[in-house]
PDB file of N, CA and C in Angstrom:
ATOM      1  N   MET A   1       9.673  37.757  25.695  1.00  0.00           N
ATOM      2  CA  MET A   1       8.887  36.730  24.986  1.00  0.00           C
ATOM      3  C   MET A   1       9.389  35.344  25.383  1.00  0.00           C
ATOM      4  N   THR A   2       8.468  34.444  25.617  1.00  0.00           N
ATOM      5  CA  THR A   2       8.856  33.081  25.980  1.00  0.00           C
ATOM      6  C   THR A   2       9.054  32.255  24.714  1.00  0.00           C
ATOM      7  N   LYS A   3      10.075  31.423  24.737  1.00  0.00           N
ATOM      8  CA  LYS A   3      10.330  30.585  23.562  1.00  0.00           C
ATOM      9  C   LYS A   3       9.256  29.502  23.460  1.00  0.00           C
ATOM     10  N   PRO A   4       8.774  29.218  22.272  1.00  0.00           N
ATOM     11  CA  PRO A   4       7.781  28.146  22.099  1.00  0.00           C
ATOM     12  C   PRO A   4       8.389  26.788  22.409  1.00  0.00           C
ATOM     13  N   GLN A   5       7.569  25.895  22.903  1.00  0.00           N
ATOM     14  CA  GLN A   5       8.087  24.565  23.258  1.00  0.00           C
ATOM     15  C   GLN A   5       8.477  23.788  22.000  1.00  0.00           C
ATOM     16  N   ILE A   6       9.437  22.894  22.170  1.00  0.00           N
ATOM     17  CA  ILE A   6       9.923  22.117  21.021  1.00  0.00           C
ATOM     18  C   ILE A   6       8.781  21.272  20.439  1.00  0.00           C
ATOM     19  N   GLY A   7       7.956  20.716  21.316  1.00  0.00           N
ATOM     20  CA  GLY A   7       6.847  19.882  20.841  1.00  0.00           C
ATOM     21  C   GLY A   7       5.903  20.672  19.952  1.00  0.00           C
ATOM     22  N   GLU A   8       5.626  21.922  20.325  1.00  0.00           N
ATOM     23  CA  GLU A   8       4.720  22.732  19.514  1.00  0.00           C
ATOM     24  C   GLU A   8       5.348  23.023  18.161  1.00  0.00           C
ATOM     25  N   ASN A   9       6.638  23.328  18.149  1.00  0.00           N
ATOM     26  CA  ASN A   9       7.327  23.599  16.881  1.00  0.00           C
ATOM     27  C   ASN A   9       7.302  22.357  15.998  1.00  0.00           C
ATOM     28  N   ALA A  10       7.597  21.209  16.578  1.00  0.00           N
ATOM     29  CA  ALA A  10       7.623  19.969  15.800  1.00  0.00           C
ATOM     30  C   ALA A  10       6.241  19.702  15.207  1.00  0.00           C
ATOM     31  N   GLY A  11       5.187  19.969  15.988  1.00  0.00           N
ATOM     32  CA  GLY A  11       3.828  19.748  15.489  1.00  0.00           C
ATOM     33  C   GLY A  11       3.538  20.638  14.296  1.00  0.00           C
ATOM     34  N   LYS A  12       3.945  21.903  14.381  1.00  0.00           N
ATOM     35  CA  LYS A  12       3.692  22.839  13.274  1.00  0.00           C
ATOM     36  C   LYS A  12       4.478  22.403  12.043  1.00  0.00           C
ATOM     37  N   VAL A  13       5.726  22.013  12.245  1.00  0.00           N
ATOM     38  CA  VAL A  13       6.560  21.574  11.109  1.00  0.00           C
ATOM     39  C   VAL A  13       5.936  20.339  10.470  1.00  0.00           C
ATOM     40  N   TRP A  14       5.452  19.397  11.310  1.00  0.00           N
ATOM     41  CA  TRP A  14       4.860  18.158  10.792  1.00  0.00           C
ATOM     42  C   TRP A  14       3.626  18.472   9.966  1.00  0.00           C
ATOM     43  N   GLN A  15       2.776  19.401  10.474  1.00  0.00           N
ATOM     44  CA  GLN A  15       1.569  19.782   9.735  1.00  0.00           C
ATOM     45  C   GLN A  15       1.961  20.397   8.394  1.00  0.00           C
ATOM     46  N   ALA A  16       3.003  21.232   8.394  1.00  0.00           N
ATOM     47  CA  ALA A  16       3.450  21.859   7.152  1.00  0.00           C
ATOM     48  C   ALA A  16       3.937  20.797   6.169  1.00  0.00           C
ATOM     49  N   LEU A  17       4.678  19.812   6.677  1.00  0.00           N
ATOM     50  CA  LEU A  17       5.182  18.752   5.798  1.00  0.00           C
ATOM     51  C   LEU A  17       4.021  17.949   5.235  1.00  0.00           C
ATOM     52  N   GLU A  18       2.988  17.702   6.065  1.00  0.00           N
ATOM     53  CA  GLU A  18       1.832  16.948   5.569  1.00  0.00           C
ATOM     54  C   GLU A  18       1.144  17.719   4.449  1.00  0.00           C
ATOM     55  N   LYS A  19       1.016  19.048   4.628  1.00  0.00           N
ATOM     56  CA  LYS A  19       0.380  19.859   3.586  1.00  0.00           C
ATOM     57  C   LYS A  19       1.210  19.806   2.314  1.00  0.00           C
ATOM     58  N   ILE A  20       2.528  19.929   2.454  1.00  0.00           N
ATOM     59  CA  ILE A  20       3.406  19.902   1.272  1.00  0.00           C
ATOM     60  C   ILE A  20       3.328  18.526   0.601  1.00  0.00           C
ATOM     61  N   GLY A  21       3.318  17.470   1.418  1.00  0.00           N
ATOM     62  CA  GLY A  21       3.286  16.111   0.877  1.00  0.00           C
ATOM     63  C   GLY A  21       1.991  15.812   0.137  1.00  0.00           C
ATOM     64  N   SER A  22       0.908  16.479   0.498  1.00  0.00           N
ATOM     65  CA  SER A  22      -0.377  16.207  -0.146  1.00  0.00           C
ATOM     66  C   SER A  22      -0.588  17.080  -1.375  1.00  0.00           C
ATOM     67  N   MET A  23       0.352  17.950  -1.682  1.00  0.00           N
ATOM     68  CA  MET A  23       0.188  18.829  -2.844  1.00  0.00           C
ATOM     69  C   MET A  23       0.443  18.053  -4.131  1.00  0.00           C
ATOM     70  N   PRO A  24      -0.297  18.379  -5.196  1.00  0.00           N
ATOM     71  CA  PRO A  24      -0.197  17.610  -6.446  1.00  0.00           C
ATOM     72  C   PRO A  24       1.176  17.696  -7.098  1.00  0.00           C
ATOM     73  N   PHE A  25       1.863  18.847  -6.956  1.00  0.00           N
ATOM     74  CA  PHE A  25       3.128  18.987  -7.688  1.00  0.00           C
ATOM     75  C   PHE A  25       4.163  17.974  -7.202  1.00  0.00           C
ATOM     76  N   ILE A  26       4.026  17.498  -5.966  1.00  0.00           N
ATOM     77  CA  ILE A  26       4.933  16.453  -5.478  1.00  0.00           C
ATOM     78  C   ILE A  26       4.674  15.160  -6.258  1.00  0.00           C
ATOM     79  N   GLU A  27       3.382  14.853  -6.481  1.00  0.00           N
ATOM     80  CA  GLU A  27       3.043  13.630  -7.213  1.00  0.00           C
ATOM     81  C   GLU A  27       3.534  13.730  -8.657  1.00  0.00           C
ATOM     82  N   LEU A  28       3.360  14.914  -9.256  1.00  0.00           N
ATOM     83  CA  LEU A  28       3.840  15.094 -10.629  1.00  0.00           C
ATOM     84  C   LEU A  28       5.349  14.907 -10.684  1.00  0.00           C
ATOM     85  N   LYS A  29       6.032  15.414  -9.670  1.00  0.00           N
ATOM     86  CA  LYS A  29       7.486  15.281  -9.618  1.00  0.00           C
ATOM     87  C   LYS A  29       7.865  13.800  -9.572  1.00  0.00           C
ATOM     88  N   ASP A  30       7.146  13.022  -8.744  1.00  0.00           N
ATOM     89  CA  ASP A  30       7.438  11.592  -8.623  1.00  0.00           C
ATOM     90  C   ASP A  30       7.168  10.884  -9.954  1.00  0.00           C
ATOM     91  N   GLN A  31       6.060  11.236 -10.603  1.00  0.00           N
ATOM     92  CA  GLN A  31       5.723  10.601 -11.875  1.00  0.00           C
ATOM     93  C   GLN A  31       6.792  10.899 -12.919  1.00  0.00           C
ATOM     94  N   THR A  32       7.306  12.126 -12.905  1.00  0.00           N
ATOM     95  CA  THR A  32       8.337  12.500 -13.871  1.00  0.00           C
ATOM     96  C   THR A  32       9.590  11.658 -13.648  1.00  0.00           C
ATOM     97  N   SER A  33       9.997  11.509 -12.387  1.00  0.00           N
ATOM     98  CA  SER A  33      11.206  10.745 -12.105  1.00  0.00           C
ATOM     99  C   SER A  33      10.996   9.274 -12.455  1.00  0.00           C
ATOM    100  N   LEU A  34       9.769   8.764 -12.232  1.00  0.00           N
ATOM    101  CA  LEU A  34       9.492   7.363 -12.554  1.00  0.00           C
ATOM    102  C   LEU A  34       9.539   7.154 -14.071  1.00  0.00           C
ATOM    103  N   SER A  35       8.953   8.085 -14.831  1.00  0.00           N
ATOM    104  CA  SER A  35       8.939   7.944 -16.288  1.00  0.00           C
ATOM    105  C   SER A  35      10.369   8.036 -16.831  1.00  0.00           C
ATOM    106  N   GLU A  36      11.188   8.852 -16.196  1.00  0.00           N
ATOM    107  CA  GLU A  36      12.583   8.965 -16.639  1.00  0.00           C
ATOM    108  C   GLU A  36      13.312   7.642 -16.412  1.00  0.00           C
ATOM    109  N   GLN A  37      12.992   6.959 -15.307  1.00  0.00           N
ATOM    110  CA  GLN A  37      13.644   5.686 -15.022  1.00  0.00           C
ATOM    111  C   GLN A  37      13.227   4.635 -16.050  1.00  0.00           C
ATOM    112  N   GLU A  38      11.976   4.712 -16.520  1.00  0.00           N
ATOM    113  CA  GLU A  38      11.493   3.724 -17.489  1.00  0.00           C
ATOM    114  C   GLU A  38      12.263   3.838 -18.800  1.00  0.00           C
ATOM    115  N   TYR A  39      12.534   5.069 -19.235  1.00  0.00           N
ATOM    116  CA  TYR A  39      13.283   5.239 -20.474  1.00  0.00           C
ATOM    117  C   TYR A  39      14.714   4.957 -20.190  1.00  0.00           C
TER     118      TYR A  39
END
């Protein structure tokens, strides 16, 4: 089996991070930390 190129791996990882970053639970997490800072 040939090893996948680094560029292809980086692209897949980046796409995964974009999907994770666009998920609502990340925003809820940020809102929770912000509200904690306010108190």
